[in-house]
Protein backbone atom coordinates (compact mmCIF):
# COMPACT_ATOMS: atom_id res chain seq x y z
CA MET A 1 162.62 67.80 -12.72
CA ALA A 2 162.70 64.54 -10.77
CA LYS A 3 164.97 64.24 -7.72
CA GLU A 4 166.96 61.40 -9.34
CA ASP A 5 167.71 63.45 -12.43
CA ARG A 6 169.92 65.88 -10.49
CA GLY A 7 173.54 65.90 -9.38
CA PHE A 8 176.87 64.30 -9.97
CA ALA A 9 175.68 60.71 -9.69
CA SER A 10 173.06 61.09 -12.32
CA MET A 11 175.64 62.14 -15.00
CA ASP A 12 177.10 59.85 -17.49
CA ARG A 13 180.57 58.33 -16.44
CA GLY A 14 182.56 60.34 -19.01
CA LYS A 15 181.13 63.66 -17.76
CA GLN A 16 181.82 62.67 -14.11
CA ARG A 17 185.38 61.75 -14.98
CA GLU A 18 185.93 65.05 -16.86
CA ILE A 19 184.71 67.12 -13.91
CA ALA A 20 186.70 65.04 -11.30
CA SER A 21 189.85 65.38 -13.43
CA LYS A 22 189.53 69.12 -13.49
CA GLY A 23 189.12 69.13 -9.74
CA GLY A 24 192.15 67.02 -9.22
CA LYS A 25 194.31 69.21 -11.50
CA ALA A 26 193.15 72.43 -9.76
CA ALA A 27 193.93 70.90 -6.35
CA HIS A 28 197.48 70.01 -7.44
CA GLU A 29 198.01 73.49 -8.91
CA LYS A 30 196.79 75.04 -5.70
CA GLY A 31 198.96 72.67 -3.60
CA THR A 32 196.15 71.18 -1.57
CA ALA A 33 195.91 67.77 -3.26
CA HIS A 34 196.72 64.77 -1.08
CA GLU A 35 199.90 63.00 -2.14
CA TRP A 36 200.34 59.55 -0.81
CA THR A 37 203.45 58.46 1.08
CA SER A 38 204.72 55.04 0.25
CA GLU A 39 203.50 53.85 3.69
CA GLU A 40 199.96 55.13 3.03
CA ALA A 41 199.90 53.52 -0.35
CA ARG A 42 201.17 50.29 1.00
CA ASP A 43 198.48 50.24 3.79
CA ALA A 44 195.70 51.12 1.27
CA GLY A 45 196.79 48.33 -1.03
CA ARG A 46 196.90 45.84 1.85
CA LYS A 47 193.42 46.81 3.09
CA GLY A 48 192.08 46.60 -0.46
CA GLY A 49 193.50 43.18 -0.88
CA ILE A 50 192.06 41.96 2.39
CA ALA A 51 188.62 43.32 1.45
CA SER A 52 188.79 41.81 -2.02
CA HIS A 53 189.73 38.39 -0.79
CA ARG A 54 187.07 38.55 1.91
CA ARG A 55 184.40 39.40 -0.66
CA ARG A 56 185.54 36.69 -3.01
CA ARG A 57 185.43 34.14 -0.23
CA GLU A 58 181.97 35.21 0.83
CA GLN A 59 180.62 35.08 -2.72
CA ALA A 60 182.07 31.56 -3.11
CA GLY A 61 180.35 30.52 0.09
CA GLY A 62 183.61 29.45 1.61
CA PRO A 63 184.03 28.93 5.32
CA GLU A 64 184.70 32.07 7.42
CA SER A 65 186.77 30.64 10.26
CA GLU A 66 189.27 32.53 12.37
CA ASP A 67 192.10 30.55 10.86
CA SER A 68 191.20 31.39 7.23
CA ARG A 69 190.91 35.14 7.72
CA PRO A 70 194.00 37.27 7.30
CA SER A 71 194.89 39.20 10.36
CA GLU A 72 194.46 42.93 10.00
CA MET A 73 196.51 43.67 13.01
CA VAL A 74 199.57 41.51 12.61
CA ASP A 75 202.40 42.64 10.29
CA PRO A 76 204.37 39.55 9.07
CA ARG A 77 207.47 41.73 8.39
CA PRO A 78 210.17 41.94 11.00
CA SER A 79 209.83 44.74 13.50
CA ARG A 80 211.90 47.89 12.82
CA GLY A 81 211.12 49.51 16.15
CA ASP A 82 213.59 51.02 18.68
CA ASP A 83 214.12 47.61 20.27
CA GLN A 84 216.27 46.65 17.23
CA PRO A 85 219.90 47.71 17.11
CA GLN A 86 220.64 50.16 14.33
CA GLY A 87 223.99 49.28 12.76
CA PRO A 88 227.15 47.74 14.25
CA VAL A 89 227.27 47.27 18.10
CA GLU A 90 230.52 48.60 19.65
């Protein structure tokens, strides 16, 4: 048997999906599956969007200047830190 004929990656997509689905269901039943918080999901979506737009721009051969790249460190939403008053000021 050749090395490339072994393992999960060599299976057809349907078989991979079936096995992965069973693993996910078992993890949920056992209580060890990761469940995303809304903040984790939002961050993952943001990072995916940044990566997708970056790849699209690179494939199109567009300029990669500092101004054209989205900042990964700056959140455009208003801060909700402790420096903001919480409710009416008395």
